Amino acid sequence: MEVFPDMMDTHQVARYLRVKERKIYDLLKDKRIPCARVTGKWLFPKAEIDHWLKSNTDQGPRPVERPPLVVAGSHDPLLEWALRQVAGGLAILPGSSADGLAKMATGEAAMAGIHLLDAGTGEHNLPQVTEALAGHNVVLIQWARRRQGLVVAPDNPLKLTELHDLTQGVRVVLRQPGAGSRALLDVLLAQAGIAPEALNVAAHPALTETEIGLAILEGAADAGLAVETVATSLRLGFVPLCEERFDVLIHRQAYFEPAVQALLAFAHTPSFTAKAESLGGYDLAGLGEVRWNA
């Protein structure tokens, strides 16, 4: 018996459903099958496909289940600190922005941090979220704008000032595929006309932006793209390159949970603002604005 992965591609889901692949594309066109589009590729969460099949049996649809109070997706230092302060029962399961989209699609998380730049439109998060979660009961809320740049050794001994400097044998540590910082770096390299092969890339990717800072601190790499607060907290150098928008994607049922409401209320307190200023690189203008209401 064939074993199918948790996230199936079009070939696999066609075999799983025992239909022709053309039928899958017909279902996609009519938006009749659960799916998510991540980095241009259609993915089908097996758990949601199973739920979809049961919902279309003669027994009728299952009642909507409450998602677990888990915060998935991209890691943000300010968000992590705020979650610890409110201590309201929200568990942190950090990963990548793409992983957060997938977990929201399968109902494995109540919230997810997202920061994905769309190369075609220059828009943050909205194109990817609306495509991956069309028809899902979610809302996208702005958290903060953050400065992204090159984290380097203290005092910037290699005198790095721009992306082109990375092609001069500099050891660069990358985030894993699907991470927002990795997607951002790919876009910035393309805009600068730099081929990814021109970089001297570390063998193992960093699973969080903090890991990028630690790799530089330990001498395993010379530079990596991360938010300014990583450099500030580890007392490393920082070369600013751009600003991005970090949003939180929330399941609408979970939005009214006391834990989520406590987090959103705490984000408007003076202590939260003071912490953002001390971390560095945050702009809280627009905090709480609804960017998309599915």
C-alpha atoms as a PDB file:
ATOM      1  CA  MET A   1       0.000   0.000   0.000  1.00  0.00           C
ATOM      2  CA  GLU A   2       1.363   3.416  -0.969  1.00  0.00           C
ATOM      3  CA  VAL A   3       2.123   5.768   1.921  1.00  0.00           C
ATOM      4  CA  PHE A   4       1.175   9.385   1.231  1.00  0.00           C
ATOM      5  CA  PRO A   5       2.894  12.386   2.877  1.00  0.00           C
ATOM      6  CA  ASP A   6       1.112  14.947   5.047  1.00  0.00           C
ATOM      7  CA  MET A   7       1.474  17.528   2.246  1.00  0.00           C
ATOM      8  CA  MET A   8       0.774  16.038  -1.188  1.00  0.00           C
ATOM      9  CA  ASP A   9       1.497  17.488  -4.629  1.00  0.00           C
ATOM     10  CA  THR A  10      -0.905  17.219  -7.581  1.00  0.00           C
ATOM     11  CA  HIS A  11       0.486  13.844  -8.678  1.00  0.00           C
ATOM     12  CA  GLN A  12       0.160  12.352  -5.212  1.00  0.00           C
ATOM     13  CA  VAL A  13      -3.310  13.693  -4.450  1.00  0.00           C
ATOM     14  CA  ALA A  14      -4.570  12.353  -7.787  1.00  0.00           C
ATOM     15  CA  ARG A  15      -3.299   8.882  -6.856  1.00  0.00           C
ATOM     16  CA  TYR A  16      -4.689   9.277  -3.340  1.00  0.00           C
ATOM     17  CA  LEU A  17      -8.157  10.094  -4.691  1.00  0.00           C
ATOM     18  CA  ARG A  18      -7.788   7.588  -7.561  1.00  0.00           C
ATOM     19  CA  VAL A  19      -8.635  10.149 -10.222  1.00  0.00           C
ATOM     20  CA  LYS A  20      -6.769  11.552 -13.193  1.00  0.00           C
ATOM     21  CA  GLU A  21      -4.495  14.505 -12.532  1.00  0.00           C
ATOM     22  CA  ARG A  22      -6.573  16.574 -14.985  1.00  0.00           C
ATOM     23  CA  LYS A  23      -9.517  16.186 -12.591  1.00  0.00           C
ATOM     24  CA  ILE A  24      -7.425  17.742  -9.791  1.00  0.00           C
ATOM     25  CA  TYR A  25      -6.763  20.797 -11.944  1.00  0.00           C
ATOM     26  CA  ASP A  26     -10.485  21.053 -12.719  1.00  0.00           C
ATOM     27  CA  LEU A  27     -11.204  21.026  -8.969  1.00  0.00           C
ATOM     28  CA  LEU A  28      -8.508  23.658  -8.428  1.00  0.00           C
ATOM     29  CA  LYS A  29      -9.990  25.867 -11.123  1.00  0.00           C
ATOM     30  CA  ASP A  30     -13.415  25.691  -9.493  1.00  0.00           C
ATOM     31  CA  LYS A  31     -11.917  26.097  -5.973  1.00  0.00           C
ATOM     32  CA  ARG A  32     -13.585  22.878  -4.870  1.00  0.00           C
ATOM     33  CA  ILE A  33     -10.658  21.092  -3.233  1.00  0.00           C
ATOM     34  CA  PRO A  34      -8.655  22.060  -0.107  1.00  0.00           C
ATOM     35  CA  CYS A  35      -5.224  23.298  -1.111  1.00  0.00           C
ATOM     36  CA  ALA A  36      -2.457  25.771  -0.395  1.00  0.00           C
ATOM     37  CA  ARG A  37      -0.062  27.404  -2.812  1.00  0.00           C
ATOM     38  CA  VAL A  38       3.419  27.851  -1.370  1.00  0.00           C
ATOM     39  CA  THR A  39       6.298  29.303  -3.427  1.00  0.00           C
ATOM     40  CA  GLY A  40       4.333  28.722  -6.633  1.00  0.00           C
ATOM     41  CA  LYS A  41       3.526  25.058  -5.959  1.00  0.00           C
ATOM     42  CA  TRP A  42       0.118  23.579  -5.193  1.00  0.00           C
ATOM     43  CA  LEU A  43       0.097  21.519  -1.991  1.00  0.00           C
ATOM     44  CA  PHE A  44      -2.763  19.453  -0.603  1.00  0.00           C
ATOM     45  CA  PRO A  45      -2.816  18.822   3.184  1.00  0.00           C
ATOM     46  CA  LYS A  46      -3.726  15.157   3.606  1.00  0.00           C
ATOM     47  CA  ALA A  47      -5.661  15.813   6.829  1.00  0.00           C
ATOM     48  CA  GLU A  48      -7.808  18.422   5.129  1.00  0.00           C
ATOM     49  CA  ILE A  49      -8.353  16.221   2.072  1.00  0.00           C
ATOM     50  CA  ASP A  50      -9.621  13.500   4.419  1.00  0.00           C
ATOM     51  CA  HIS A  51     -11.915  16.021   6.117  1.00  0.00           C
ATOM     52  CA  TRP A  52     -13.153  17.199   2.700  1.00  0.00           C
ATOM     53  CA  LEU A  53     -13.950  13.623   1.670  1.00  0.00           C
ATOM     54  CA  LYS A  54     -15.933  12.992   4.860  1.00  0.00           C
ATOM     55  CA  SER A  55     -17.776  16.293   4.432  1.00  0.00           C
ATOM     56  CA  ASN A  56     -18.985  15.131   1.030  1.00  0.00           C
ATOM     57  CA  THR A  57     -20.376  11.783   2.183  1.00  0.00           C
ATOM     58  CA  ASP A  58     -24.060  11.091   2.736  1.00  0.00           C
ATOM     59  CA  GLN A  59     -23.552  11.646   6.462  1.00  0.00           C
ATOM     60  CA  GLY A  60     -23.256  15.379   5.848  1.00  0.00           C
ATOM     61  CA  PRO A  61     -20.548  17.813   6.886  1.00  0.00           C
ATOM     62  CA  ARG A  62     -18.722  17.480  10.194  1.00  0.00           C
ATOM     63  CA  PRO A  63     -19.025  20.348  12.675  1.00  0.00           C
ATOM     64  CA  VAL A  64     -16.187  22.839  12.489  1.00  0.00           C
ATOM     65  CA  GLU A  65     -13.542  22.014  15.068  1.00  0.00           C
ATOM     66  CA  ARG A  66     -11.755  24.657  17.099  1.00  0.00           C
ATOM     67  CA  PRO A  67      -8.076  24.891  16.154  1.00  0.00           C
ATOM     68  CA  PRO A  68      -5.559  24.249  18.944  1.00  0.00           C
ATOM     69  CA  LEU A  69      -4.218  27.375  20.655  1.00  0.00           C
ATOM     70  CA  VAL A  70      -0.892  27.143  18.869  1.00  0.00           C
ATOM     71  CA  VAL A  71       1.067  30.012  17.297  1.00  0.00           C
ATOM     72  CA  ALA A  72       2.904  28.635  14.266  1.00  0.00           C
ATOM     73  CA  GLY A  73       4.727  30.219  11.357  1.00  0.00           C
ATOM     74  CA  SER A  74       7.635  32.633  11.390  1.00  0.00           C
ATOM     75  CA  HIS A  75       9.404  33.566  14.608  1.00  0.00           C
ATOM     76  CA  ASP A  76       9.324  37.195  15.742  1.00  0.00           C
ATOM     77  CA  PRO A  77      11.214  38.230  18.915  1.00  0.00           C
ATOM     78  CA  LEU A  78       8.641  40.839  19.913  1.00  0.00           C
ATOM     79  CA  LEU A  79       5.733  38.437  19.389  1.00  0.00           C
ATOM     80  CA  GLU A  80       7.494  35.715  21.387  1.00  0.00           C
ATOM     81  CA  TRP A  81       8.164  38.148  24.255  1.00  0.00           C
ATOM     82  CA  ALA A  82       4.530  39.320  24.277  1.00  0.00           C
ATOM     83  CA  LEU A  83       3.252  35.739  24.351  1.00  0.00           C
ATOM     84  CA  ARG A  84       5.399  35.039  27.421  1.00  0.00           C
ATOM     85  CA  GLN A  85       4.103  38.155  29.152  1.00  0.00           C
ATOM     86  CA  VAL A  86       0.398  37.408  28.751  1.00  0.00           C
ATOM     87  CA  ALA A  87       0.859  33.691  29.594  1.00  0.00           C
ATOM     88  CA  GLY A  88      -2.615  33.009  28.303  1.00  0.00           C
ATOM     89  CA  GLY A  89      -2.212  29.441  27.130  1.00  0.00           C
ATOM     90  CA  LEU A  90      -0.952  30.091  23.588  1.00  0.00           C
ATOM     91  CA  ALA A  91       1.800  27.607  22.734  1.00  0.00           C
ATOM     92  CA  ILE A  92       4.606  28.630  20.356  1.00  0.00           C
ATOM     93  CA  LEU A  93       5.515  26.308  17.491  1.00  0.00           C
ATOM     94  CA  PRO A  94       8.018  28.335  15.434  1.00  0.00           C
ATOM     95  CA  GLY A  95       8.875  27.368  11.888  1.00  0.00           C
ATOM     96  CA  SER A  96       8.705  29.210   8.595  1.00  0.00           C
ATOM     97  CA  SER A  97       6.061  31.435   7.038  1.00  0.00           C
ATOM     98  CA  ALA A  98       5.226  28.687   4.526  1.00  0.00           C
ATOM     99  CA  ASP A  99       4.898  26.192   7.359  1.00  0.00           C
ATOM    100  CA  GLY A 100       2.545  28.599   9.126  1.00  0.00           C
ATOM    101  CA  LEU A 101       0.316  28.825   6.047  1.00  0.00           C
ATOM    102  CA  ALA A 102       0.209  25.040   5.822  1.00  0.00           C
ATOM    103  CA  LYS A 103      -0.663  24.584   9.499  1.00  0.00           C
ATOM    104  CA  MET A 104      -3.431  27.187   9.287  1.00  0.00           C
ATOM    105  CA  ALA A 105      -4.808  25.404   6.216  1.00  0.00           C
ATOM    106  CA  THR A 106      -4.940  22.065   8.029  1.00  0.00           C
ATOM    107  CA  GLY A 107      -6.346  23.510  11.256  1.00  0.00           C
ATOM    108  CA  GLU A 108      -3.229  22.661  13.265  1.00  0.00           C
ATOM    109  CA  ALA A 109      -2.759  26.218  14.557  1.00  0.00           C
ATOM    110  CA  ALA A 110      -4.904  29.116  15.720  1.00  0.00           C
ATOM    111  CA  MET A 111      -2.367  31.767  14.711  1.00  0.00           C
ATOM    112  CA  ALA A 112       0.665  32.069  12.457  1.00  0.00           C
ATOM    113  CA  GLY A 113       3.321  34.719  11.938  1.00  0.00           C
ATOM    114  CA  ILE A 114       3.795  35.582   8.265  1.00  0.00           C
ATOM    115  CA  HIS A 115       6.331  37.742   6.427  1.00  0.00           C
ATOM    116  CA  LEU A 116       6.475  36.907   2.729  1.00  0.00           C
ATOM    117  CA  LEU A 117       7.375  39.398   0.013  1.00  0.00           C
ATOM    118  CA  ASP A 118       5.670  38.876  -3.352  1.00  0.00           C
ATOM    119  CA  ALA A 119       8.246  39.614  -6.057  1.00  0.00           C
ATOM    120  CA  GLY A 120       5.648  40.484  -8.672  1.00  0.00           C
ATOM    121  CA  THR A 121       3.624  43.050  -6.715  1.00  0.00           C
ATOM    122  CA  GLY A 122       6.029  44.121  -3.974  1.00  0.00           C
ATOM    123  CA  GLU A 123       3.209  43.410  -1.497  1.00  0.00           C
ATOM    124  CA  HIS A 124       3.847  41.629   1.788  1.00  0.00           C
ATOM    125  CA  ASN A 125       1.831  38.561   2.817  1.00  0.00           C
ATOM    126  CA  LEU A 126      -1.501  39.357   1.170  1.00  0.00           C
ATOM    127  CA  PRO A 127      -0.924  37.601  -2.206  1.00  0.00           C
ATOM    128  CA  GLN A 128       0.354  34.416  -0.555  1.00  0.00           C
ATOM    129  CA  VAL A 129      -2.299  34.331   2.177  1.00  0.00           C
ATOM    130  CA  THR A 130      -5.261  34.996  -0.115  1.00  0.00           C
ATOM    131  CA  GLU A 131      -4.067  32.325  -2.528  1.00  0.00           C
ATOM    132  CA  ALA A 132      -3.230  29.673   0.053  1.00  0.00           C
ATOM    133  CA  LEU A 133      -6.229  30.216   2.354  1.00  0.00           C
ATOM    134  CA  ALA A 134      -9.038  31.328   0.079  1.00  0.00           C
ATOM    135  CA  GLY A 135     -12.264  30.066   1.601  1.00  0.00           C
ATOM    136  CA  HIS A 136     -10.756  29.561   5.060  1.00  0.00           C
ATOM    137  CA  ASN A 137     -12.175  31.268   8.126  1.00  0.00           C
ATOM    138  CA  VAL A 138      -9.173  33.514   8.885  1.00  0.00           C
ATOM    139  CA  VAL A 139      -8.229  37.157   9.295  1.00  0.00           C
ATOM    140  CA  LEU A 140      -4.835  38.766   8.597  1.00  0.00           C
ATOM    141  CA  ILE A 141      -3.771  41.475  11.068  1.00  0.00           C
ATOM    142  CA  GLN A 142      -0.723  43.700  10.926  1.00  0.00           C
ATOM    143  CA  TRP A 143       1.741  43.186  13.761  1.00  0.00           C
ATOM    144  CA  ALA A 144       4.690  45.471  12.975  1.00  0.00           C
ATOM    145  CA  ARG A 145       7.034  46.754  10.324  1.00  0.00           C
ATOM    146  CA  ARG A 146      10.604  45.503  10.816  1.00  0.00           C
ATOM    147  CA  ARG A 147      14.022  46.487   9.489  1.00  0.00           C
ATOM    148  CA  GLN A 148      15.772  43.655   7.677  1.00  0.00           C
ATOM    149  CA  GLY A 149      19.456  43.680   6.807  1.00  0.00           C
ATOM    150  CA  LEU A 150      22.774  41.912   7.058  1.00  0.00           C
ATOM    151  CA  VAL A 151      23.756  40.743  10.521  1.00  0.00           C
ATOM    152  CA  VAL A 152      27.562  40.835  10.722  1.00  0.00           C
ATOM    153  CA  ALA A 153      30.320  40.524  13.326  1.00  0.00           C
ATOM    154  CA  PRO A 154      30.732  43.385  15.848  1.00  0.00           C
ATOM    155  CA  ASP A 155      32.078  46.570  14.240  1.00  0.00           C
ATOM    156  CA  ASN A 156      31.568  44.999  10.783  1.00  0.00           C
ATOM    157  CA  PRO A 157      35.218  43.951  10.261  1.00  0.00           C
ATOM    158  CA  LEU A 158      34.644  43.027   6.593  1.00  0.00           C
ATOM    159  CA  LYS A 159      33.141  46.487   5.948  1.00  0.00           C
ATOM    160  CA  LEU A 160      30.045  45.095   4.245  1.00  0.00           C
ATOM    161  CA  THR A 161      27.709  47.782   2.939  1.00  0.00           C
ATOM    162  CA  GLU A 162      25.522  46.109   0.289  1.00  0.00           C
ATOM    163  CA  LEU A 163      24.506  42.749  -1.161  1.00  0.00           C
ATOM    164  CA  HIS A 164      27.227  42.795  -3.821  1.00  0.00           C
ATOM    165  CA  ASP A 165      29.810  42.573  -1.045  1.00  0.00           C
ATOM    166  CA  LEU A 166      28.541  39.065  -0.285  1.00  0.00           C
ATOM    167  CA  THR A 167      29.996  37.788  -3.571  1.00  0.00           C
ATOM    168  CA  GLN A 168      33.574  38.412  -2.392  1.00  0.00           C
ATOM    169  CA  GLY A 169      34.018  35.099  -0.591  1.00  0.00           C
ATOM    170  CA  VAL A 170      31.946  36.126   2.427  1.00  0.00           C
ATOM    171  CA  ARG A 171      30.516  33.111   4.274  1.00  0.00           C
ATOM    172  CA  VAL A 172      26.743  33.534   4.188  1.00  0.00           C
ATOM    173  CA  VAL A 173      24.284  31.603   6.345  1.00  0.00           C
ATOM    174  CA  LEU A 174      20.790  31.241   4.849  1.00  0.00           C
ATOM    175  CA  ARG A 175      17.375  30.451   6.296  1.00  0.00           C
ATOM    176  CA  GLN A 176      15.614  27.258   5.234  1.00  0.00           C
ATOM    177  CA  PRO A 177      13.425  27.228   2.088  1.00  0.00           C
ATOM    178  CA  GLY A 178       9.931  28.536   2.883  1.00  0.00           C
ATOM    179  CA  ALA A 179      11.187  31.047   5.454  1.00  0.00           C
ATOM    180  CA  GLY A 180      10.193  34.666   4.895  1.00  0.00           C
ATOM    181  CA  SER A 181      13.790  35.881   5.243  1.00  0.00           C
ATOM    182  CA  ARG A 182      14.932  33.357   2.641  1.00  0.00           C
ATOM    183  CA  ALA A 183      12.228  34.512   0.214  1.00  0.00           C
ATOM    184  CA  LEU A 184      13.168  38.138   0.880  1.00  0.00           C
ATOM    185  CA  LEU A 185      16.847  37.472   0.211  1.00  0.00           C
ATOM    186  CA  ASP A 186      15.984  35.709  -3.054  1.00  0.00           C
ATOM    187  CA  VAL A 187      14.015  38.767  -4.176  1.00  0.00           C
ATOM    188  CA  LEU A 188      16.749  41.205  -3.137  1.00  0.00           C
ATOM    189  CA  LEU A 189      19.429  39.156  -4.921  1.00  0.00           C
ATOM    190  CA  ALA A 190      17.331  39.066  -8.100  1.00  0.00           C
ATOM    191  CA  GLN A 191      16.773  42.826  -7.937  1.00  0.00           C
ATOM    192  CA  ALA A 192      20.530  43.357  -7.548  1.00  0.00           C
ATOM    193  CA  GLY A 193      21.322  41.013 -10.425  1.00  0.00           C
ATOM    194  CA  ILE A 194      23.201  38.557  -8.208  1.00  0.00           C
ATOM    195  CA  ALA A 195      22.972  34.828  -8.917  1.00  0.00           C
ATOM    196  CA  PRO A 196      22.495  32.710  -5.768  1.00  0.00           C
ATOM    197  CA  GLU A 197      25.403  30.556  -6.955  1.00  0.00           C
ATOM    198  CA  ALA A 198      27.707  33.540  -6.491  1.00  0.00           C
ATOM    199  CA  LEU A 199      27.363  33.269  -2.704  1.00  0.00           C
ATOM    200  CA  ASN A 200      29.589  31.183  -0.462  1.00  0.00           C
ATOM    201  CA  VAL A 201      26.767  29.529   1.457  1.00  0.00           C
ATOM    202  CA  ALA A 202      27.125  27.708   4.774  1.00  0.00           C
ATOM    203  CA  ALA A 203      26.373  23.985   4.616  1.00  0.00           C
ATOM    204  CA  HIS A 204      23.445  24.031   7.050  1.00  0.00           C
ATOM    205  CA  PRO A 205      20.581  26.581   6.972  1.00  0.00           C
ATOM    206  CA  ALA A 206      19.456  28.427  10.093  1.00  0.00           C
ATOM    207  CA  LEU A 207      15.993  27.438  11.289  1.00  0.00           C
ATOM    208  CA  THR A 208      15.392  30.809  13.003  1.00  0.00           C
ATOM    209  CA  GLU A 209      16.777  34.295  12.561  1.00  0.00           C
ATOM    210  CA  THR A 210      18.344  34.020  16.009  1.00  0.00           C
ATOM    211  CA  GLU A 211      20.323  31.038  14.716  1.00  0.00           C
ATOM    212  CA  ILE A 212      21.741  33.317  12.017  1.00  0.00           C
ATOM    213  CA  GLY A 213      23.056  35.650  14.703  1.00  0.00           C
ATOM    214  CA  LEU A 214      24.470  32.768  16.715  1.00  0.00           C
ATOM    215  CA  ALA A 215      26.285  31.365  13.663  1.00  0.00           C
ATOM    216  CA  ILE A 216      28.002  34.734  13.195  1.00  0.00           C
ATOM    217  CA  LEU A 217      28.706  35.082  16.904  1.00  0.00           C
ATOM    218  CA  GLU A 218      30.359  31.643  16.948  1.00  0.00           C
ATOM    219  CA  GLY A 219      32.443  32.376  13.841  1.00  0.00           C
ATOM    220  CA  ALA A 220      30.674  29.816  11.635  1.00  0.00           C
ATOM    221  CA  ALA A 221      29.557  32.514   9.172  1.00  0.00           C
ATOM    222  CA  ASP A 222      30.305  36.132   8.310  1.00  0.00           C
ATOM    223  CA  ALA A 223      26.840  37.430   7.432  1.00  0.00           C
ATOM    224  CA  GLY A 224      23.175  36.540   7.101  1.00  0.00           C
ATOM    225  CA  LEU A 225      19.872  38.291   6.468  1.00  0.00           C
ATOM    226  CA  ALA A 226      17.803  38.857   9.618  1.00  0.00           C
ATOM    227  CA  VAL A 227      15.841  41.474  11.524  1.00  0.00           C
ATOM    228  CA  GLU A 228      17.727  44.227  13.345  1.00  0.00           C
ATOM    229  CA  THR A 229      16.668  43.025  16.791  1.00  0.00           C
ATOM    230  CA  VAL A 230      18.762  39.848  16.303  1.00  0.00           C
ATOM    231  CA  ALA A 231      21.875  41.986  15.927  1.00  0.00           C
ATOM    232  CA  THR A 232      20.861  44.223  18.842  1.00  0.00           C
ATOM    233  CA  SER A 233      20.202  41.355  21.258  1.00  0.00           C
ATOM    234  CA  LEU A 234      23.482  39.579  20.437  1.00  0.00           C
ATOM    235  CA  ARG A 235      25.523  42.804  20.192  1.00  0.00           C
ATOM    236  CA  LEU A 236      26.431  42.181  16.575  1.00  0.00           C
ATOM    237  CA  GLY A 237      26.796  44.599  13.687  1.00  0.00           C
ATOM    238  CA  PHE A 238      23.893  45.401  11.357  1.00  0.00           C
ATOM    239  CA  VAL A 239      23.719  46.717   7.772  1.00  0.00           C
ATOM    240  CA  PRO A 240      20.108  47.808   7.054  1.00  0.00           C
ATOM    241  CA  LEU A 241      18.746  46.879   3.626  1.00  0.00           C
ATOM    242  CA  CYS A 242      14.959  47.256   3.660  1.00  0.00           C
ATOM    243  CA  GLU A 243      11.756  47.268   5.695  1.00  0.00           C
ATOM    244  CA  GLU A 244       9.132  44.530   5.713  1.00  0.00           C
ATOM    245  CA  ARG A 245       5.687  43.965   7.204  1.00  0.00           C
ATOM    246  CA  PHE A 246       5.140  41.141   9.687  1.00  0.00           C
ATOM    247  CA  ASP A 247       1.510  40.056  10.078  1.00  0.00           C
ATOM    248  CA  VAL A 248      -0.334  37.539  12.230  1.00  0.00           C
ATOM    249  CA  LEU A 249      -2.870  35.247  10.624  1.00  0.00           C
ATOM    250  CA  ILE A 250      -5.645  34.296  13.058  1.00  0.00           C
ATOM    251  CA  HIS A 251      -8.429  31.755  12.771  1.00  0.00           C
ATOM    252  CA  ARG A 252     -11.649  33.694  13.258  1.00  0.00           C
ATOM    253  CA  GLN A 253     -12.928  31.316  15.946  1.00  0.00           C
ATOM    254  CA  ALA A 254      -9.668  31.674  17.874  1.00  0.00           C
ATOM    255  CA  TYR A 255      -9.729  35.459  17.524  1.00  0.00           C
ATOM    256  CA  PHE A 256     -12.329  35.671  20.302  1.00  0.00           C
ATOM    257  CA  GLU A 257     -10.505  33.290  22.637  1.00  0.00           C
ATOM    258  CA  PRO A 258      -9.426  35.036  25.883  1.00  0.00           C
ATOM    259  CA  ALA A 259      -5.769  34.193  25.214  1.00  0.00           C
ATOM    260  CA  VAL A 260      -5.786  35.864  21.790  1.00  0.00           C
ATOM    261  CA  GLN A 261      -7.723  38.867  23.045  1.00  0.00           C
ATOM    262  CA  ALA A 262      -5.239  39.239  25.925  1.00  0.00           C
ATOM    263  CA  LEU A 263      -2.329  39.223  23.453  1.00  0.00           C
ATOM    264  CA  LEU A 264      -3.913  41.843  21.192  1.00  0.00           C
ATOM    265  CA  ALA A 265      -4.797  44.056  24.164  1.00  0.00           C
ATOM    266  CA  PHE A 266      -1.276  43.790  25.600  1.00  0.00           C
ATOM    267  CA  ALA A 267       0.152  44.893  22.244  1.00  0.00           C
ATOM    268  CA  HIS A 268      -1.359  48.342  22.863  1.00  0.00           C
ATOM    269  CA  THR A 269       0.182  48.907  26.287  1.00  0.00           C
ATOM    270  CA  PRO A 270       3.112  51.244  27.118  1.00  0.00           C
ATOM    271  CA  SER A 271       5.263  48.304  28.252  1.00  0.00           C
ATOM    272  CA  PHE A 272       4.855  46.647  24.865  1.00  0.00           C
ATOM    273  CA  THR A 273       5.850  49.855  23.066  1.00  0.00           C
ATOM    274  CA  ALA A 274       8.869  50.262  25.332  1.00  0.00           C
ATOM    275  CA  LYS A 275       9.983  46.697  24.619  1.00  0.00           C
ATOM    276  CA  ALA A 276       9.715  47.252  20.867  1.00  0.00           C
ATOM    277  CA  GLU A 277      11.904  50.334  21.166  1.00  0.00           C
ATOM    278  CA  SER A 278      14.507  48.487  23.222  1.00  0.00           C
ATOM    279  CA  LEU A 279      14.667  45.595  20.750  1.00  0.00           C
ATOM    280  CA  GLY A 280      15.235  48.001  17.871  1.00  0.00           C
ATOM    281  CA  GLY A 281      14.098  47.921  14.255  1.00  0.00           C
ATOM    282  CA  TYR A 282      10.336  47.951  14.906  1.00  0.00           C
ATOM    283  CA  ASP A 283       7.703  50.395  13.654  1.00  0.00           C
ATOM    284  CA  LEU A 284       4.344  49.849  15.384  1.00  0.00           C
ATOM    285  CA  ALA A 285       2.340  52.268  13.243  1.00  0.00           C
ATOM    286  CA  GLY A 286      -0.543  50.233  11.860  1.00  0.00           C
ATOM    287  CA  LEU A 287      -0.481  47.635  14.637  1.00  0.00           C
ATOM    288  CA  GLY A 288      -3.827  45.831  14.722  1.00  0.00           C
ATOM    289  CA  GLU A 289      -5.004  46.909  11.262  1.00  0.00           C
ATOM    290  CA  VAL A 290      -6.981  44.232   9.413  1.00  0.00           C
ATOM    291  CA  ARG A 291      -5.159  43.519   6.159  1.00  0.00           C
ATOM    292  CA  TRP A 292      -7.499  40.805   4.926  1.00  0.00           C
ATOM    293  CA  ASN A 293     -10.763  39.400   6.197  1.00  0.00           C
ATOM    294  CA  ALA A 294     -11.508  36.105   4.488  1.00  0.00           C
END
